[in-house]
N, C-alpha and C. Protein backbone atom coordinates (compact mmCIF):
# COMPACT_ATOMS: atom_id res chain seq x y z
N MET A 1 -83.76 -22.01 -19.85
CA MET A 1 -84.34 -23.25 -20.33
C MET A 1 -84.64 -24.21 -19.18
N VAL A 2 -83.82 -24.16 -18.15
CA VAL A 2 -84.01 -25.07 -17.02
C VAL A 2 -85.38 -24.86 -16.42
N TYR A 3 -85.72 -23.62 -16.12
CA TYR A 3 -87.01 -23.34 -15.49
C TYR A 3 -88.17 -23.61 -16.43
N LEU A 4 -87.98 -23.37 -17.70
CA LEU A 4 -89.04 -23.62 -18.66
C LEU A 4 -89.33 -25.12 -18.75
N TYR A 5 -88.30 -25.93 -18.73
CA TYR A 5 -88.51 -27.37 -18.77
C TYR A 5 -89.14 -27.86 -17.47
N GLU A 6 -88.85 -27.20 -16.36
CA GLU A 6 -89.47 -27.58 -15.09
C GLU A 6 -90.98 -27.38 -15.12
N ILE A 7 -91.47 -26.49 -15.97
CA ILE A 7 -92.93 -26.35 -16.14
C ILE A 7 -93.49 -27.66 -16.68
N TRP A 8 -92.85 -28.21 -17.70
CA TRP A 8 -93.30 -29.49 -18.25
C TRP A 8 -93.21 -30.58 -17.18
N GLU A 9 -92.12 -30.62 -16.44
CA GLU A 9 -91.96 -31.65 -15.40
C GLU A 9 -93.06 -31.54 -14.35
N ALA A 10 -93.42 -30.33 -13.97
CA ALA A 10 -94.48 -30.14 -12.98
C ALA A 10 -95.82 -30.63 -13.52
N LEU A 11 -96.10 -30.34 -14.78
CA LEU A 11 -97.35 -30.81 -15.38
C LEU A 11 -97.36 -32.33 -15.50
N ARG A 12 -96.24 -32.89 -15.89
CA ARG A 12 -96.12 -34.34 -16.00
C ARG A 12 -96.37 -34.99 -14.64
N ASN A 13 -95.82 -34.42 -13.59
CA ASN A 13 -96.04 -34.95 -12.25
C ASN A 13 -97.48 -34.76 -11.79
N ARG A 14 -98.06 -33.62 -12.11
CA ARG A 14 -99.45 -33.33 -11.72
C ARG A 14 -100.42 -34.35 -12.33
N PHE A 15 -100.15 -34.78 -13.57
CA PHE A 15 -101.03 -35.72 -14.25
C PHE A 15 -100.50 -37.15 -14.19
N ASN A 16 -99.50 -37.37 -13.36
CA ASN A 16 -98.91 -38.69 -13.08
C ASN A 16 -97.99 -39.22 -14.17
N ASP A 17 -98.08 -38.75 -15.38
CA ASP A 17 -97.16 -39.13 -16.44
C ASP A 17 -97.31 -38.18 -17.62
N GLY A 18 -96.32 -38.22 -18.50
CA GLY A 18 -96.32 -37.30 -19.63
C GLY A 18 -97.45 -37.51 -20.60
N HIS A 19 -97.80 -38.77 -20.85
CA HIS A 19 -98.87 -39.07 -21.79
C HIS A 19 -100.20 -38.48 -21.31
N SER A 20 -100.50 -38.68 -20.04
CA SER A 20 -101.75 -38.14 -19.48
C SER A 20 -101.75 -36.62 -19.52
N ALA A 21 -100.62 -36.01 -19.22
CA ALA A 21 -100.54 -34.55 -19.28
C ALA A 21 -100.79 -34.04 -20.68
N MET A 22 -100.16 -34.70 -21.65
CA MET A 22 -100.33 -34.28 -23.04
C MET A 22 -101.79 -34.43 -23.48
N LEU A 23 -102.43 -35.53 -23.12
CA LEU A 23 -103.82 -35.75 -23.51
C LEU A 23 -104.75 -34.76 -22.81
N SER A 24 -104.58 -34.60 -21.52
CA SER A 24 -105.46 -33.74 -20.73
C SER A 24 -105.36 -32.28 -21.14
N LEU A 25 -104.17 -31.86 -21.51
CA LEU A 25 -103.94 -30.45 -21.82
C LEU A 25 -103.82 -30.16 -23.31
N ASN A 26 -103.94 -31.21 -24.12
CA ASN A 26 -103.82 -31.05 -25.57
C ASN A 26 -102.46 -30.43 -25.95
N ILE A 27 -101.42 -30.97 -25.35
CA ILE A 27 -100.06 -30.55 -25.68
C ILE A 27 -99.54 -31.48 -26.77
N SER A 28 -99.05 -30.91 -27.83
CA SER A 28 -98.59 -31.74 -28.94
C SER A 28 -97.24 -32.39 -28.62
N LEU A 29 -97.04 -33.54 -29.19
CA LEU A 29 -95.76 -34.24 -29.05
C LEU A 29 -94.64 -33.38 -29.62
N ASP A 30 -94.92 -32.68 -30.71
CA ASP A 30 -93.91 -31.82 -31.32
C ASP A 30 -93.46 -30.72 -30.35
N ASP A 31 -94.43 -30.08 -29.68
CA ASP A 31 -94.08 -29.02 -28.73
C ASP A 31 -93.28 -29.58 -27.55
N LYS A 32 -93.75 -30.68 -27.00
CA LYS A 32 -93.05 -31.28 -25.86
C LYS A 32 -91.63 -31.67 -26.26
N ASP A 33 -91.50 -32.30 -27.42
CA ASP A 33 -90.18 -32.72 -27.90
C ASP A 33 -89.26 -31.54 -28.19
N GLU A 34 -89.81 -30.46 -28.71
CA GLU A 34 -89.00 -29.28 -29.01
C GLU A 34 -88.49 -28.66 -27.72
N LEU A 35 -89.34 -28.55 -26.72
CA LEU A 35 -88.89 -28.00 -25.44
C LEU A 35 -87.81 -28.90 -24.84
N LYS A 36 -88.02 -30.19 -24.91
CA LYS A 36 -87.02 -31.13 -24.38
C LYS A 36 -85.70 -31.01 -25.14
N ARG A 37 -85.78 -30.91 -26.45
CA ARG A 37 -84.56 -30.78 -27.26
C ARG A 37 -83.78 -29.54 -26.87
N LEU A 38 -84.49 -28.42 -26.77
CA LEU A 38 -83.82 -27.17 -26.44
C LEU A 38 -83.24 -27.18 -25.03
N ALA A 39 -84.00 -27.71 -24.08
CA ALA A 39 -83.56 -27.67 -22.69
C ALA A 39 -82.57 -28.76 -22.33
N CYS A 40 -82.66 -29.90 -23.00
CA CYS A 40 -81.88 -31.06 -22.57
C CYS A 40 -80.82 -31.54 -23.55
N SER A 41 -81.01 -31.34 -24.83
CA SER A 41 -80.12 -31.97 -25.81
C SER A 41 -79.15 -31.00 -26.47
N GLU A 42 -79.59 -29.79 -26.74
CA GLU A 42 -78.71 -28.83 -27.40
C GLU A 42 -77.59 -28.41 -26.46
N PRO A 43 -76.41 -28.14 -26.99
CA PRO A 43 -75.28 -27.73 -26.14
C PRO A 43 -75.37 -26.24 -25.77
N LEU A 44 -76.39 -25.91 -24.99
CA LEU A 44 -76.66 -24.51 -24.66
C LEU A 44 -76.20 -24.18 -23.25
N ILE A 45 -75.64 -23.02 -23.08
CA ILE A 45 -75.27 -22.53 -21.76
C ILE A 45 -76.50 -22.51 -20.86
N GLU A 46 -77.65 -22.17 -21.43
CA GLU A 46 -78.90 -22.07 -20.67
C GLU A 46 -79.57 -23.42 -20.46
N GLY A 47 -79.02 -24.48 -21.02
CA GLY A 47 -79.63 -25.79 -20.96
C GLY A 47 -79.42 -26.51 -19.64
N ARG A 48 -80.04 -27.66 -19.52
CA ARG A 48 -80.01 -28.44 -18.29
C ARG A 48 -78.78 -29.31 -18.15
N HIS A 49 -78.15 -29.69 -19.23
CA HIS A 49 -77.07 -30.67 -19.18
C HIS A 49 -75.78 -30.13 -19.77
N GLY A 50 -75.39 -28.96 -19.32
CA GLY A 50 -74.19 -28.34 -19.84
C GLY A 50 -72.95 -29.20 -19.66
N GLY A 51 -72.89 -29.96 -18.59
CA GLY A 51 -71.74 -30.81 -18.33
C GLY A 51 -71.55 -31.91 -19.36
N ASP A 52 -72.61 -32.22 -20.09
CA ASP A 52 -72.51 -33.23 -21.14
C ASP A 52 -71.86 -32.69 -22.41
N HIS A 53 -71.69 -31.37 -22.46
CA HIS A 53 -71.20 -30.72 -23.69
C HIS A 53 -69.99 -29.82 -23.40
N VAL A 54 -69.11 -30.26 -22.53
CA VAL A 54 -67.96 -29.45 -22.16
C VAL A 54 -67.18 -29.04 -23.42
N GLY A 55 -66.89 -27.76 -23.49
CA GLY A 55 -66.14 -27.24 -24.62
C GLY A 55 -66.97 -26.97 -25.86
N GLN A 56 -68.25 -27.32 -25.83
CA GLN A 56 -69.12 -27.13 -27.00
C GLN A 56 -70.26 -26.15 -26.72
N LEU A 57 -70.36 -25.67 -25.49
CA LEU A 57 -71.51 -24.84 -25.11
C LEU A 57 -71.55 -23.53 -25.88
N ARG A 58 -72.77 -23.13 -26.19
CA ARG A 58 -72.99 -21.85 -26.87
C ARG A 58 -74.22 -21.20 -26.26
N LYS A 59 -74.35 -19.91 -26.48
CA LYS A 59 -75.54 -19.20 -26.02
C LYS A 59 -76.71 -19.56 -26.93
N ALA A 60 -77.89 -19.69 -26.33
CA ALA A 60 -79.10 -19.94 -27.12
C ALA A 60 -79.36 -18.72 -28.01
N THR A 61 -79.87 -18.99 -29.18
CA THR A 61 -80.25 -17.89 -30.07
C THR A 61 -81.56 -17.28 -29.59
N ARG A 62 -81.86 -16.10 -30.06
CA ARG A 62 -83.13 -15.45 -29.73
C ARG A 62 -84.29 -16.34 -30.17
N ALA A 63 -84.17 -16.96 -31.34
CA ALA A 63 -85.25 -17.83 -31.85
C ALA A 63 -85.45 -19.04 -30.93
N GLU A 64 -84.35 -19.62 -30.44
CA GLU A 64 -84.47 -20.77 -29.53
C GLU A 64 -85.12 -20.37 -28.21
N LEU A 65 -84.71 -19.23 -27.67
CA LEU A 65 -85.31 -18.74 -26.42
C LEU A 65 -86.79 -18.43 -26.62
N ASP A 66 -87.11 -17.77 -27.73
CA ASP A 66 -88.51 -17.44 -28.01
C ASP A 66 -89.36 -18.70 -28.16
N ALA A 67 -88.83 -19.70 -28.84
CA ALA A 67 -89.57 -20.95 -29.03
C ALA A 67 -89.84 -21.63 -27.69
N ALA A 68 -88.83 -21.71 -26.84
CA ALA A 68 -89.00 -22.34 -25.54
C ALA A 68 -89.99 -21.57 -24.68
N HIS A 69 -89.89 -20.24 -24.67
CA HIS A 69 -90.84 -19.42 -23.91
C HIS A 69 -92.26 -19.60 -24.41
N CYS A 70 -92.42 -19.64 -25.70
CA CYS A 70 -93.76 -19.79 -26.30
C CYS A 70 -94.38 -21.13 -25.92
N ILE A 71 -93.61 -22.19 -26.00
CA ILE A 71 -94.12 -23.53 -25.67
C ILE A 71 -94.48 -23.59 -24.19
N ALA A 72 -93.61 -23.11 -23.32
CA ALA A 72 -93.87 -23.15 -21.88
C ALA A 72 -95.08 -22.29 -21.52
N THR A 73 -95.20 -21.12 -22.13
CA THR A 73 -96.36 -20.25 -21.89
C THR A 73 -97.64 -20.95 -22.31
N ASP A 74 -97.61 -21.60 -23.46
CA ASP A 74 -98.77 -22.33 -23.95
C ASP A 74 -99.17 -23.44 -22.98
N MET A 75 -98.19 -24.13 -22.43
CA MET A 75 -98.47 -25.19 -21.47
C MET A 75 -99.15 -24.62 -20.22
N ILE A 76 -98.68 -23.49 -19.75
CA ILE A 76 -99.28 -22.86 -18.57
C ILE A 76 -100.72 -22.45 -18.86
N ILE A 77 -100.94 -21.82 -19.99
CA ILE A 77 -102.29 -21.39 -20.36
C ILE A 77 -103.22 -22.59 -20.46
N LYS A 78 -102.74 -23.67 -21.07
CA LYS A 78 -103.58 -24.87 -21.20
C LYS A 78 -103.89 -25.46 -19.83
N TYR A 79 -102.95 -25.41 -18.90
CA TYR A 79 -103.21 -25.91 -17.56
C TYR A 79 -104.24 -25.04 -16.85
N PHE A 80 -104.10 -23.73 -16.93
CA PHE A 80 -105.08 -22.84 -16.30
C PHE A 80 -106.46 -23.03 -16.92
N THR A 81 -106.52 -23.22 -18.21
CA THR A 81 -107.80 -23.48 -18.88
C THR A 81 -108.42 -24.77 -18.36
N CYS A 82 -107.60 -25.79 -18.20
CA CYS A 82 -108.06 -27.07 -17.67
C CYS A 82 -108.61 -26.90 -16.25
N LEU A 83 -107.91 -26.13 -15.42
CA LEU A 83 -108.38 -25.88 -14.05
C LEU A 83 -109.71 -25.14 -14.06
N GLN A 84 -109.81 -24.16 -14.92
CA GLN A 84 -111.02 -23.36 -15.01
C GLN A 84 -112.20 -24.23 -15.47
N GLU A 85 -111.97 -25.09 -16.46
CA GLU A 85 -113.03 -25.95 -16.96
C GLU A 85 -113.46 -26.97 -15.91
N SER A 86 -112.54 -27.48 -15.12
CA SER A 86 -112.89 -28.47 -14.11
C SER A 86 -113.60 -27.81 -12.91
N ALA A 87 -113.42 -26.50 -12.74
CA ALA A 87 -114.09 -25.80 -11.64
C ALA A 87 -115.53 -25.42 -11.99
N SER A 88 -115.85 -25.42 -13.27
CA SER A 88 -117.21 -25.00 -13.66
C SER A 88 -118.13 -26.15 -13.88
């Protein structure tokens, strides 16, 4: 989850802020929020803030991992599409 969320952070930095990234790449608020929830808020061993959930950590479910991978992959594809469109 850490690396998947870093994809969002890189896009946010590339477009100077999250709102611009979402608008430019047509990333939904729901997708961004779901990735953030999974990577930052849930008490997951694979998450970014495990120290905030000492004694409560659990392994991410297959569905949670699949959802995070799907959202991050979609973000990458949308960024590549944006690059391709700006090059033509």
